[in-house]
Amino acid sequence: MRKAKIERKTLETGVELELVIDGSGEHDISTGIPFFDHMLTHIAKHGFFDLKVAATGDTEVDFHHSVEDIGICLGQAFKTALDGCKGIARYGSALVPMDEALVSVAIDIGGRPSLVFNADIKREKVGDFDTELVEEFLKAFSNHLGCNLHVNALYGSNAHHIIEAIFKSLAKALDAATTIDKRVKGVLSTKGKL
């Protein structure tokens, strides 16, 4: 079973995260940030990943440290669970609508971190969640998984809908990229390694 458990303790945060790639979408998520819990739930549910996250942090300062550290841990969990990326499809993409919003996410789990984030989110907050933290989460995730991640919000006016479509698209793209393809011998690379 492709799974990982990651713990990260700093002076600012404490994160315990468990991931099962070949899951059913079961989730138990508590970060102290309700909107972010809701978004992480979409990753589990729409990617069919089992995900447990228990996090504490200096949320009285702001949510940045917690959101970034959870991104770090989730990236590390996928990297660990994929165990060198042997046999995976490697590439995945998804186009997801959410009411008036439409978002595209494409991913290459090829060992090279890079984030392209094109999302014009006009509101600074959804509830008490800073919308700029979506990009910070994705940057931490990409860096620690080692993936190219391209996020394009094609259009949309409602900040909640745009962000939700981003997380659902990420889930679907990750599901596709982490799927075992029986045609792949070793890793899918002309170099023979990632």
N, C-alpha and C. Protein backbone atom coordinates (compact mmCIF):
# COMPACT_ATOMS: atom_id res chain seq x y z
N MET A 1 0.84 -1.19 0.00
CA MET A 1 0.00 0.00 0.00
C MET A 1 0.88 1.24 0.00
N ARG A 2 0.53 2.19 -0.86
CA ARG A 2 1.31 3.43 -0.96
C ARG A 2 0.80 4.41 0.08
N LYS A 3 1.57 4.57 1.13
CA LYS A 3 1.13 5.43 2.22
C LYS A 3 2.33 6.08 2.89
N ALA A 4 2.06 7.13 3.68
CA ALA A 4 3.12 7.83 4.39
C ALA A 4 2.54 8.52 5.60
N LYS A 5 3.39 8.67 6.60
CA LYS A 5 3.05 9.45 7.79
C LYS A 5 4.16 10.47 7.98
N ILE A 6 3.79 11.73 8.08
CA ILE A 6 4.75 12.83 8.20
C ILE A 6 4.42 13.62 9.46
N GLU A 7 5.45 13.94 10.22
CA GLU A 7 5.30 14.83 11.37
C GLU A 7 6.28 15.98 11.22
N ARG A 8 5.79 17.17 11.51
CA ARG A 8 6.64 18.36 11.45
C ARG A 8 6.35 19.21 12.67
N LYS A 9 7.39 19.48 13.44
CA LYS A 9 7.27 20.32 14.63
C LYS A 9 8.23 21.49 14.50
N THR A 10 7.70 22.69 14.63
CA THR A 10 8.54 23.89 14.66
C THR A 10 8.10 24.72 15.86
N LEU A 11 8.74 25.85 16.05
CA LEU A 11 8.33 26.76 17.12
C LEU A 11 7.00 27.43 16.80
N GLU A 12 6.57 27.32 15.53
CA GLU A 12 5.33 27.98 15.09
C GLU A 12 4.17 27.01 14.87
N THR A 13 4.49 25.76 14.52
CA THR A 13 3.43 24.81 14.16
C THR A 13 3.76 23.39 14.61
N GLY A 14 2.72 22.58 14.67
CA GLY A 14 2.86 21.14 14.82
C GLY A 14 1.90 20.47 13.86
N VAL A 15 2.42 19.62 12.99
CA VAL A 15 1.59 18.97 11.98
C VAL A 15 1.83 17.46 12.03
N GLU A 16 0.74 16.71 12.09
CA GLU A 16 0.78 15.27 11.91
C GLU A 16 -0.14 14.95 10.73
N LEU A 17 0.41 14.27 9.73
CA LEU A 17 -0.33 14.03 8.50
C LEU A 17 -0.14 12.58 8.07
N GLU A 18 -1.23 11.92 7.72
CA GLU A 18 -1.19 10.56 7.19
C GLU A 18 -1.90 10.54 5.84
N LEU A 19 -1.28 9.86 4.88
CA LEU A 19 -1.80 9.79 3.52
C LEU A 19 -1.78 8.36 3.03
N VAL A 20 -2.87 7.94 2.42
CA VAL A 20 -2.93 6.69 1.67
C VAL A 20 -3.35 7.06 0.25
N ILE A 21 -2.46 6.81 -0.70
CA ILE A 21 -2.75 7.20 -2.08
C ILE A 21 -3.89 6.38 -2.65
N ASP A 22 -3.85 5.08 -2.44
CA ASP A 22 -4.87 4.19 -3.00
C ASP A 22 -6.01 4.02 -2.00
N GLY A 23 -6.68 5.12 -1.71
CA GLY A 23 -7.72 5.12 -0.71
C GLY A 23 -9.10 5.23 -1.32
N SER A 24 -10.01 5.76 -0.51
CA SER A 24 -11.40 5.90 -0.95
C SER A 24 -11.94 7.30 -0.69
N GLY A 25 -11.08 8.20 -0.23
CA GLY A 25 -11.51 9.56 0.06
C GLY A 25 -11.87 9.80 1.51
N GLU A 26 -11.54 8.83 2.37
CA GLU A 26 -11.79 9.02 3.81
C GLU A 26 -10.90 10.16 4.31
N HIS A 27 -11.42 10.95 5.23
CA HIS A 27 -10.65 12.09 5.71
C HIS A 27 -11.01 12.44 7.16
N ASP A 28 -10.02 12.94 7.85
CA ASP A 28 -10.17 13.45 9.22
C ASP A 28 -9.20 14.62 9.32
N ILE A 29 -9.72 15.82 9.16
CA ILE A 29 -8.86 17.00 9.00
C ILE A 29 -9.22 18.06 10.02
N SER A 30 -8.21 18.48 10.78
CA SER A 30 -8.39 19.53 11.78
C SER A 30 -7.14 20.39 11.81
N THR A 31 -7.24 21.58 11.22
CA THR A 31 -6.09 22.48 11.16
C THR A 31 -6.27 23.73 12.01
N GLY A 32 -7.47 23.92 12.55
CA GLY A 32 -7.77 25.16 13.25
C GLY A 32 -8.18 26.28 12.30
N ILE A 33 -8.28 25.95 11.00
CA ILE A 33 -8.64 26.93 9.97
C ILE A 33 -9.80 26.32 9.19
N PRO A 34 -11.04 26.60 9.54
CA PRO A 34 -12.18 25.89 8.96
C PRO A 34 -12.25 25.90 7.43
N PHE A 35 -12.02 27.04 6.79
CA PHE A 35 -12.08 27.08 5.33
C PHE A 35 -11.01 26.18 4.72
N PHE A 36 -9.82 26.17 5.30
CA PHE A 36 -8.73 25.34 4.80
C PHE A 36 -9.05 23.85 5.01
N ASP A 37 -9.66 23.52 6.15
CA ASP A 37 -10.12 22.14 6.36
C ASP A 37 -11.03 21.71 5.22
N HIS A 38 -11.93 22.60 4.85
CA HIS A 38 -12.89 22.33 3.78
C HIS A 38 -12.16 22.07 2.45
N MET A 39 -11.12 22.85 2.17
CA MET A 39 -10.37 22.69 0.93
C MET A 39 -9.56 21.39 0.93
N LEU A 40 -8.93 21.05 2.05
CA LEU A 40 -8.17 19.80 2.15
C LEU A 40 -9.09 18.59 2.02
N THR A 41 -10.31 18.73 2.50
CA THR A 41 -11.30 17.66 2.35
C THR A 41 -11.55 17.37 0.87
N HIS A 42 -11.55 18.42 0.03
CA HIS A 42 -11.73 18.22 -1.40
C HIS A 42 -10.59 17.42 -2.01
N ILE A 43 -9.36 17.66 -1.54
CA ILE A 43 -8.23 16.88 -2.05
C ILE A 43 -8.45 15.40 -1.77
N ALA A 44 -8.86 15.08 -0.55
CA ALA A 44 -9.10 13.68 -0.19
C ALA A 44 -10.26 13.09 -1.00
N LYS A 45 -11.38 13.77 -0.97
CA LYS A 45 -12.61 13.22 -1.56
C LYS A 45 -12.52 13.07 -3.07
N HIS A 46 -12.04 14.10 -3.75
CA HIS A 46 -12.04 14.08 -5.22
C HIS A 46 -10.81 13.39 -5.80
N GLY A 47 -9.78 13.18 -4.97
CA GLY A 47 -8.61 12.42 -5.43
C GLY A 47 -8.63 10.97 -4.99
N PHE A 48 -9.64 10.61 -4.17
CA PHE A 48 -9.75 9.26 -3.61
C PHE A 48 -8.51 8.91 -2.77
N PHE A 49 -8.00 9.91 -2.05
CA PHE A 49 -6.90 9.72 -1.13
C PHE A 49 -7.47 9.67 0.29
N ASP A 50 -6.97 8.76 1.12
CA ASP A 50 -7.31 8.82 2.54
C ASP A 50 -6.33 9.79 3.18
N LEU A 51 -6.86 10.75 3.92
CA LEU A 51 -6.04 11.83 4.45
C LEU A 51 -6.44 12.18 5.87
N LYS A 52 -5.45 12.17 6.75
CA LYS A 52 -5.64 12.64 8.11
C LYS A 52 -4.66 13.78 8.35
N VAL A 53 -5.16 14.88 8.86
CA VAL A 53 -4.31 16.03 9.19
C VAL A 53 -4.74 16.55 10.55
N ALA A 54 -3.79 16.61 11.46
CA ALA A 54 -4.01 17.25 12.76
C ALA A 54 -2.91 18.30 12.91
N ALA A 55 -3.31 19.55 12.98
CA ALA A 55 -2.33 20.63 13.01
C ALA A 55 -2.70 21.67 14.05
N THR A 56 -1.67 22.18 14.68
CA THR A 56 -1.80 23.33 15.58
C THR A 56 -0.77 24.36 15.12
N GLY A 57 -1.09 25.62 15.35
CA GLY A 57 -0.15 26.64 14.92
C GLY A 57 -0.48 27.98 15.54
N ASP A 58 0.37 28.94 15.24
CA ASP A 58 0.22 30.29 15.80
C ASP A 58 -0.81 31.07 14.98
N THR A 59 -2.02 30.53 14.93
CA THR A 59 -3.07 31.15 14.12
C THR A 59 -3.52 32.49 14.68
N GLU A 60 -3.13 32.78 15.92
CA GLU A 60 -3.43 34.11 16.46
C GLU A 60 -2.58 35.18 15.78
N VAL A 61 -1.44 34.77 15.21
CA VAL A 61 -0.61 35.69 14.41
C VAL A 61 -1.26 35.84 13.04
N ASP A 62 -1.32 34.75 12.31
CA ASP A 62 -2.11 34.61 11.09
C ASP A 62 -2.04 33.14 10.68
N PHE A 63 -2.59 32.80 9.52
CA PHE A 63 -2.67 31.40 9.12
C PHE A 63 -1.49 30.94 8.27
N HIS A 64 -0.59 31.86 7.94
CA HIS A 64 0.46 31.57 6.98
C HIS A 64 1.32 30.37 7.37
N HIS A 65 1.83 30.35 8.59
CA HIS A 65 2.74 29.28 9.00
C HIS A 65 2.06 27.92 8.93
N SER A 66 0.82 27.84 9.39
CA SER A 66 0.11 26.57 9.37
C SER A 66 -0.15 26.09 7.95
N VAL A 67 -0.64 26.98 7.10
CA VAL A 67 -0.97 26.60 5.72
C VAL A 67 0.28 26.16 4.97
N GLU A 68 1.36 26.91 5.11
CA GLU A 68 2.60 26.56 4.43
C GLU A 68 3.15 25.22 4.93
N ASP A 69 3.15 25.01 6.25
CA ASP A 69 3.71 23.78 6.80
C ASP A 69 2.87 22.56 6.43
N ILE A 70 1.58 22.72 6.31
CA ILE A 70 0.74 21.62 5.85
C ILE A 70 1.03 21.32 4.39
N GLY A 71 1.28 22.35 3.59
CA GLY A 71 1.70 22.14 2.21
C GLY A 71 3.01 21.37 2.12
N ILE A 72 3.96 21.74 2.98
CA ILE A 72 5.24 21.02 3.05
C ILE A 72 5.00 19.55 3.37
N CYS A 73 4.20 19.30 4.41
CA CYS A 73 3.95 17.92 4.85
C CYS A 73 3.20 17.10 3.80
N LEU A 74 2.22 17.71 3.14
CA LEU A 74 1.47 16.97 2.12
C LEU A 74 2.38 16.63 0.94
N GLY A 75 3.23 17.55 0.53
CA GLY A 75 4.19 17.27 -0.54
C GLY A 75 5.13 16.15 -0.14
N GLN A 76 5.66 16.20 1.09
CA GLN A 76 6.56 15.15 1.57
C GLN A 76 5.85 13.80 1.64
N ALA A 77 4.58 13.82 2.03
CA ALA A 77 3.82 12.57 2.15
C ALA A 77 3.64 11.92 0.78
N PHE A 78 3.27 12.70 -0.23
CA PHE A 78 3.14 12.14 -1.57
C PHE A 78 4.49 11.62 -2.07
N LYS A 79 5.55 12.38 -1.86
CA LYS A 79 6.88 11.95 -2.31
C LYS A 79 7.29 10.64 -1.65
N THR A 80 7.07 10.53 -0.36
CA THR A 80 7.41 9.30 0.37
C THR A 80 6.56 8.13 -0.10
N ALA A 81 5.25 8.35 -0.21
CA ALA A 81 4.34 7.26 -0.59
C ALA A 81 4.58 6.79 -2.02
N LEU A 82 5.02 7.68 -2.89
CA LEU A 82 5.26 7.30 -4.29
C LEU A 82 6.57 6.54 -4.47
N ASP A 83 7.45 6.57 -3.48
CA ASP A 83 8.64 5.72 -3.44
C ASP A 83 9.42 5.71 -4.75
N GLY A 84 9.86 6.89 -5.18
CA GLY A 84 10.66 6.99 -6.39
C GLY A 84 9.84 7.06 -7.67
N CYS A 85 8.52 7.11 -7.54
CA CYS A 85 7.60 7.28 -8.68
C CYS A 85 7.61 6.12 -9.67
N LYS A 86 8.01 4.95 -9.21
CA LYS A 86 8.04 3.78 -10.10
C LYS A 86 6.62 3.41 -10.54
N GLY A 87 6.44 3.29 -11.84
CA GLY A 87 5.19 2.77 -12.39
C GLY A 87 4.05 3.75 -12.51
N ILE A 88 4.25 5.01 -12.10
CA ILE A 88 3.12 5.94 -12.14
C ILE A 88 2.98 6.61 -13.51
N ALA A 89 1.78 7.08 -13.78
CA ALA A 89 1.51 7.79 -15.04
C ALA A 89 2.31 9.08 -15.14
N ARG A 90 2.64 9.68 -14.01
CA ARG A 90 3.49 10.87 -13.86
C ARG A 90 2.79 12.17 -14.19
N TYR A 91 1.99 12.21 -15.26
CA TYR A 91 1.31 13.42 -15.67
C TYR A 91 -0.18 13.32 -15.36
N GLY A 92 -0.76 14.45 -15.00
CA GLY A 92 -2.20 14.48 -14.79
C GLY A 92 -2.72 15.89 -15.00
N SER A 93 -3.96 15.97 -15.41
CA SER A 93 -4.58 17.29 -15.58
C SER A 93 -6.06 17.17 -15.33
N ALA A 94 -6.66 18.30 -15.01
CA ALA A 94 -8.11 18.33 -14.77
C ALA A 94 -8.62 19.72 -15.07
N LEU A 95 -9.85 19.75 -15.55
CA LEU A 95 -10.56 21.00 -15.81
C LEU A 95 -11.86 20.90 -15.02
N VAL A 96 -12.02 21.76 -14.02
CA VAL A 96 -13.14 21.64 -13.09
C VAL A 96 -13.94 22.93 -13.03
N PRO A 97 -15.25 22.85 -13.26
CA PRO A 97 -16.12 24.01 -13.06
C PRO A 97 -16.65 24.04 -11.64
N MET A 98 -16.88 25.23 -11.14
CA MET A 98 -17.57 25.42 -9.86
C MET A 98 -18.46 26.64 -10.04
N ASP A 99 -19.72 26.39 -10.37
CA ASP A 99 -20.66 27.46 -10.70
C ASP A 99 -20.08 28.33 -11.83
N GLU A 100 -19.82 29.60 -11.58
CA GLU A 100 -19.36 30.49 -12.64
C GLU A 100 -17.85 30.41 -12.88
N ALA A 101 -17.13 29.67 -12.04
CA ALA A 101 -15.66 29.58 -12.13
C ALA A 101 -15.24 28.32 -12.89
N LEU A 102 -14.12 28.43 -13.60
CA LEU A 102 -13.55 27.28 -14.31
C LEU A 102 -12.04 27.30 -14.09
N VAL A 103 -11.50 26.17 -13.62
CA VAL A 103 -10.07 26.09 -13.27
C VAL A 103 -9.44 24.87 -13.92
N SER A 104 -8.24 25.07 -14.41
CA SER A 104 -7.42 23.99 -14.98
C SER A 104 -6.18 23.80 -14.11
N VAL A 105 -5.86 22.54 -13.82
CA VAL A 105 -4.62 22.20 -13.13
C VAL A 105 -3.92 21.10 -13.91
N ALA A 106 -2.64 21.27 -14.15
CA ALA A 106 -1.81 20.25 -14.80
C ALA A 106 -0.59 20.01 -13.92
N ILE A 107 -0.20 18.73 -13.82
CA ILE A 107 0.90 18.36 -12.94
C ILE A 107 1.82 17.35 -13.61
N ASP A 108 3.11 17.50 -13.35
CA ASP A 108 4.12 16.52 -13.75
C ASP A 108 4.93 16.18 -12.50
N ILE A 109 4.78 14.96 -12.03
CA ILE A 109 5.54 14.52 -10.85
C ILE A 109 6.85 13.96 -11.37
N GLY A 110 7.74 14.86 -11.73
CA GLY A 110 8.99 14.49 -12.38
C GLY A 110 10.23 14.84 -11.58
N GLY A 111 10.04 15.25 -10.32
CA GLY A 111 11.19 15.55 -9.47
C GLY A 111 11.66 16.99 -9.51
N ARG A 112 11.04 17.80 -10.35
CA ARG A 112 11.48 19.19 -10.50
C ARG A 112 10.36 20.13 -10.04
N PRO A 113 10.60 20.86 -8.96
CA PRO A 113 9.55 21.76 -8.46
C PRO A 113 9.44 23.03 -9.27
N SER A 114 8.21 23.35 -9.62
CA SER A 114 7.93 24.61 -10.30
C SER A 114 6.43 24.87 -10.20
N LEU A 115 6.08 26.06 -9.79
CA LEU A 115 4.67 26.44 -9.70
C LEU A 115 4.40 27.61 -10.63
N VAL A 116 3.39 27.46 -11.47
CA VAL A 116 2.84 28.57 -12.24
C VAL A 116 1.42 28.76 -11.72
N PHE A 117 1.13 29.94 -11.20
CA PHE A 117 -0.15 30.20 -10.55
C PHE A 117 -0.79 31.42 -11.20
N ASN A 118 -1.81 31.17 -11.99
CA ASN A 118 -2.55 32.24 -12.65
C ASN A 118 -3.99 32.21 -12.16
N ALA A 119 -4.22 32.94 -11.11
CA ALA A 119 -5.58 33.02 -10.56
C ALA A 119 -5.80 34.42 -10.02
N ASP A 120 -6.73 35.11 -10.62
CA ASP A 120 -7.04 36.47 -10.21
C ASP A 120 -8.19 36.41 -9.20
N ILE A 121 -7.80 36.31 -7.93
CA ILE A 121 -8.80 36.23 -6.86
C ILE A 121 -8.94 37.64 -6.29
N LYS A 122 -10.06 38.25 -6.55
CA LYS A 122 -10.21 39.68 -6.27
C LYS A 122 -10.40 39.98 -4.79
N ARG A 123 -10.98 39.08 -4.05
CA ARG A 123 -11.16 39.31 -2.62
C ARG A 123 -9.92 38.89 -1.86
N GLU A 124 -9.57 39.63 -0.81
CA GLU A 124 -8.40 39.30 0.00
C GLU A 124 -8.68 38.18 0.99
N LYS A 125 -9.94 37.99 1.33
CA LYS A 125 -10.30 36.97 2.32
C LYS A 125 -11.56 36.24 1.90
N VAL A 126 -11.63 34.96 2.28
CA VAL A 126 -12.88 34.21 2.27
C VAL A 126 -13.10 33.85 3.73
N GLY A 127 -14.10 34.44 4.34
CA GLY A 127 -14.23 34.34 5.79
C GLY A 127 -13.01 35.00 6.42
N ASP A 128 -12.28 34.24 7.25
CA ASP A 128 -11.06 34.80 7.84
C ASP A 128 -9.80 34.21 7.20
N PHE A 129 -9.96 33.54 6.06
CA PHE A 129 -8.84 32.93 5.35
C PHE A 129 -8.29 33.89 4.30
N ASP A 130 -6.99 34.16 4.36
CA ASP A 130 -6.34 35.03 3.38
C ASP A 130 -6.19 34.29 2.06
N THR A 131 -6.78 34.83 0.99
CA THR A 131 -6.78 34.12 -0.28
C THR A 131 -5.37 33.97 -0.87
N GLU A 132 -4.43 34.84 -0.50
CA GLU A 132 -3.06 34.71 -0.99
C GLU A 132 -2.39 33.44 -0.49
N LEU A 133 -2.95 32.81 0.54
CA LEU A 133 -2.35 31.60 1.09
C LEU A 133 -2.56 30.38 0.20
N VAL A 134 -3.48 30.47 -0.74
CA VAL A 134 -3.66 29.36 -1.69
C VAL A 134 -2.35 29.15 -2.47
N GLU A 135 -1.78 30.23 -2.97
CA GLU A 135 -0.52 30.13 -3.71
C GLU A 135 0.61 29.66 -2.81
N GLU A 136 0.65 30.13 -1.56
CA GLU A 136 1.70 29.70 -0.63
C GLU A 136 1.62 28.20 -0.35
N PHE A 137 0.41 27.70 -0.17
CA PHE A 137 0.21 26.26 0.04
C PHE A 137 0.71 25.47 -1.16
N LEU A 138 0.32 25.90 -2.37
CA LEU A 138 0.70 25.18 -3.58
C LEU A 138 2.20 25.24 -3.82
N LYS A 139 2.83 26.35 -3.49
CA LYS A 139 4.27 26.48 -3.64
C LYS A 139 5.00 25.50 -2.71
N ALA A 140 4.57 25.43 -1.47
CA ALA A 140 5.18 24.50 -0.51
C ALA A 140 4.97 23.06 -0.95
N PHE A 141 3.76 22.76 -1.42
CA PHE A 141 3.44 21.41 -1.89
C PHE A 141 4.31 21.02 -3.08
N SER A 142 4.39 21.89 -4.08
CA SER A 142 5.19 21.62 -5.27
C SER A 142 6.66 21.44 -4.93
N ASN A 143 7.19 22.31 -4.09
CA ASN A 143 8.61 22.23 -3.72
C ASN A 143 8.95 20.92 -3.03
N HIS A 144 8.06 20.43 -2.19
CA HIS A 144 8.38 19.26 -1.38
C HIS A 144 7.96 17.94 -2.00
N LEU A 145 7.04 17.96 -2.96
CA LEU A 145 6.78 16.78 -3.77
C LEU A 145 7.80 16.68 -4.88
N GLY A 146 8.17 17.83 -5.44
CA GLY A 146 9.04 17.85 -6.61
C GLY A 146 8.22 17.67 -7.86
N CYS A 147 7.33 18.64 -8.09
CA CYS A 147 6.44 18.53 -9.26
C CYS A 147 6.31 19.89 -9.94
N ASN A 148 6.09 19.83 -11.24
CA ASN A 148 5.64 21.01 -11.98
C ASN A 148 4.14 21.09 -11.75
N LEU A 149 3.67 22.25 -11.35
CA LEU A 149 2.25 22.43 -11.06
C LEU A 149 1.80 23.72 -11.72
N HIS A 150 0.86 23.59 -12.65
CA HIS A 150 0.34 24.75 -13.38
C HIS A 150 -1.14 24.91 -13.02
N VAL A 151 -1.46 26.05 -12.44
CA VAL A 151 -2.83 26.34 -12.00
C VAL A 151 -3.31 27.56 -12.77
N ASN A 152 -4.41 27.38 -13.50
CA ASN A 152 -4.97 28.47 -14.28
C ASN A 152 -6.46 28.59 -13.99
N ALA A 153 -6.82 29.69 -13.32
CA ALA A 153 -8.24 30.01 -13.15
C ALA A 153 -8.66 30.75 -14.41
N LEU A 154 -9.39 30.07 -15.26
CA LEU A 154 -9.72 30.63 -16.57
C LEU A 154 -10.69 31.79 -16.45
N TYR A 155 -11.64 31.65 -15.53
CA TYR A 155 -12.54 32.76 -15.21
C TYR A 155 -13.31 32.41 -13.96
N GLY A 156 -13.98 33.43 -13.44
CA GLY A 156 -14.76 33.28 -12.22
C GLY A 156 -14.78 34.58 -11.46
N SER A 157 -15.84 34.80 -10.71
CA SER A 157 -15.97 36.05 -9.95
C SER A 157 -16.06 35.82 -8.44
N ASN A 158 -16.46 34.64 -8.04
CA ASN A 158 -16.63 34.34 -6.62
C ASN A 158 -15.36 33.69 -6.09
N ALA A 159 -14.72 34.31 -5.10
CA ALA A 159 -13.43 33.83 -4.59
C ALA A 159 -13.54 32.41 -4.03
N HIS A 160 -14.62 32.12 -3.29
CA HIS A 160 -14.81 30.78 -2.74
C HIS A 160 -14.87 29.75 -3.87
N HIS A 161 -15.61 30.05 -4.92
CA HIS A 161 -15.76 29.11 -6.03
C HIS A 161 -14.44 28.88 -6.76
N ILE A 162 -13.68 29.94 -6.97
CA ILE A 162 -12.39 29.81 -7.65
C ILE A 162 -11.45 28.92 -6.84
N ILE A 163 -11.35 29.20 -5.54
CA ILE A 163 -10.43 28.42 -4.70
C ILE A 163 -10.89 26.97 -4.60
N GLU A 164 -12.17 26.75 -4.44
CA GLU A 164 -12.68 25.38 -4.36
C GLU A 164 -12.40 24.63 -5.66
N ALA A 165 -12.57 25.27 -6.79
CA ALA A 165 -12.26 24.63 -8.07
C ALA A 165 -10.77 24.32 -8.20
N ILE A 166 -9.91 25.18 -7.65
CA ILE A 166 -8.47 24.91 -7.65
C ILE A 166 -8.18 23.62 -6.89
N PHE A 167 -8.73 23.47 -5.70
CA PHE A 167 -8.45 22.29 -4.88
C PHE A 167 -9.06 21.03 -5.49
N LYS A 168 -10.24 21.13 -6.08
CA LYS A 168 -10.84 19.97 -6.73
C LYS A 168 -10.02 19.58 -7.97
N SER A 169 -9.58 20.56 -8.75
CA SER A 169 -8.75 20.28 -9.92
C SER A 169 -7.44 19.64 -9.52
N LEU A 170 -6.83 20.16 -8.45
CA LEU A 170 -5.58 19.57 -7.96
C LEU A 170 -5.81 18.11 -7.59
N ALA A 171 -6.89 17.82 -6.90
CA ALA A 171 -7.19 16.44 -6.50
C ALA A 171 -7.30 15.52 -7.71
N LYS A 172 -8.06 15.97 -8.72
CA LYS A 172 -8.27 15.13 -9.91
C LYS A 172 -6.97 14.94 -10.69
N ALA A 173 -6.16 15.99 -10.81
CA ALA A 173 -4.89 15.88 -11.51
C ALA A 173 -3.92 14.97 -10.77
N LEU A 174 -3.89 15.08 -9.45
CA LEU A 174 -3.04 14.20 -8.63
C LEU A 174 -3.47 12.75 -8.75
N ASP A 175 -4.77 12.52 -8.76
CA ASP A 175 -5.28 11.17 -8.90
C ASP A 175 -4.78 10.56 -10.22
N ALA A 176 -4.88 11.32 -11.30
CA ALA A 176 -4.42 10.83 -12.60
C ALA A 176 -2.91 10.58 -12.62
N ALA A 177 -2.14 11.52 -12.07
CA ALA A 177 -0.68 11.43 -12.13
C ALA A 177 -0.12 10.31 -11.26
N THR A 178 -0.79 10.00 -10.16
CA THR A 178 -0.29 8.97 -9.24
C THR A 178 -0.80 7.57 -9.57
N THR A 179 -1.66 7.47 -10.58
CA THR A 179 -2.19 6.16 -10.98
C THR A 179 -1.07 5.27 -11.51
N ILE A 180 -1.09 4.01 -11.09
CA ILE A 180 -0.14 3.03 -11.62
C ILE A 180 -0.54 2.66 -13.05
N ASP A 181 0.41 2.79 -13.96
CA ASP A 181 0.21 2.41 -15.35
C ASP A 181 1.08 1.17 -15.60
N LYS A 182 0.46 0.04 -15.84
CA LYS A 182 1.19 -1.22 -15.97
C LYS A 182 2.14 -1.24 -17.15
N ARG A 183 1.98 -0.30 -18.08
CA ARG A 183 2.89 -0.21 -19.22
C ARG A 183 4.22 0.41 -18.84
N VAL A 184 4.24 1.15 -17.71
CA VAL A 184 5.46 1.85 -17.30
C VAL A 184 6.38 0.88 -16.58
N LYS A 185 7.57 0.72 -17.09
CA LYS A 185 8.60 -0.09 -16.45
C LYS A 185 9.58 0.86 -15.77
N GLY A 186 9.69 0.77 -14.48
CA GLY A 186 10.54 1.71 -13.75
C GLY A 186 9.85 3.05 -13.67
N VAL A 187 10.53 4.10 -14.17
CA VAL A 187 9.92 5.43 -14.17
C VAL A 187 9.71 5.89 -15.61
N LEU A 188 8.72 6.73 -15.81
CA LEU A 188 8.36 7.22 -17.15
C LEU A 188 9.28 8.40 -17.51
N SER A 189 10.45 8.05 -18.03
CA SER A 189 11.43 9.08 -18.40
C SER A 189 12.41 8.51 -19.43
N THR A 190 12.72 9.29 -20.44
CA THR A 190 13.72 8.84 -21.41
C THR A 190 15.11 8.76 -20.80
N LYS A 191 15.31 9.43 -19.66
CA LYS A 191 16.58 9.38 -18.95
C LYS A 191 16.76 8.09 -18.17
N GLY A 192 15.63 7.43 -17.88
CA GLY A 192 15.68 6.23 -17.06
C GLY A 192 15.62 6.51 -15.58
N LYS A 193 15.63 7.78 -15.22
CA LYS A 193 15.48 8.19 -13.82
C LYS A 193 14.93 9.59 -13.77
N LEU A 194 14.33 9.93 -12.64
CA LEU A 194 13.77 11.28 -12.46
C LEU A 194 14.76 12.13 -11.71
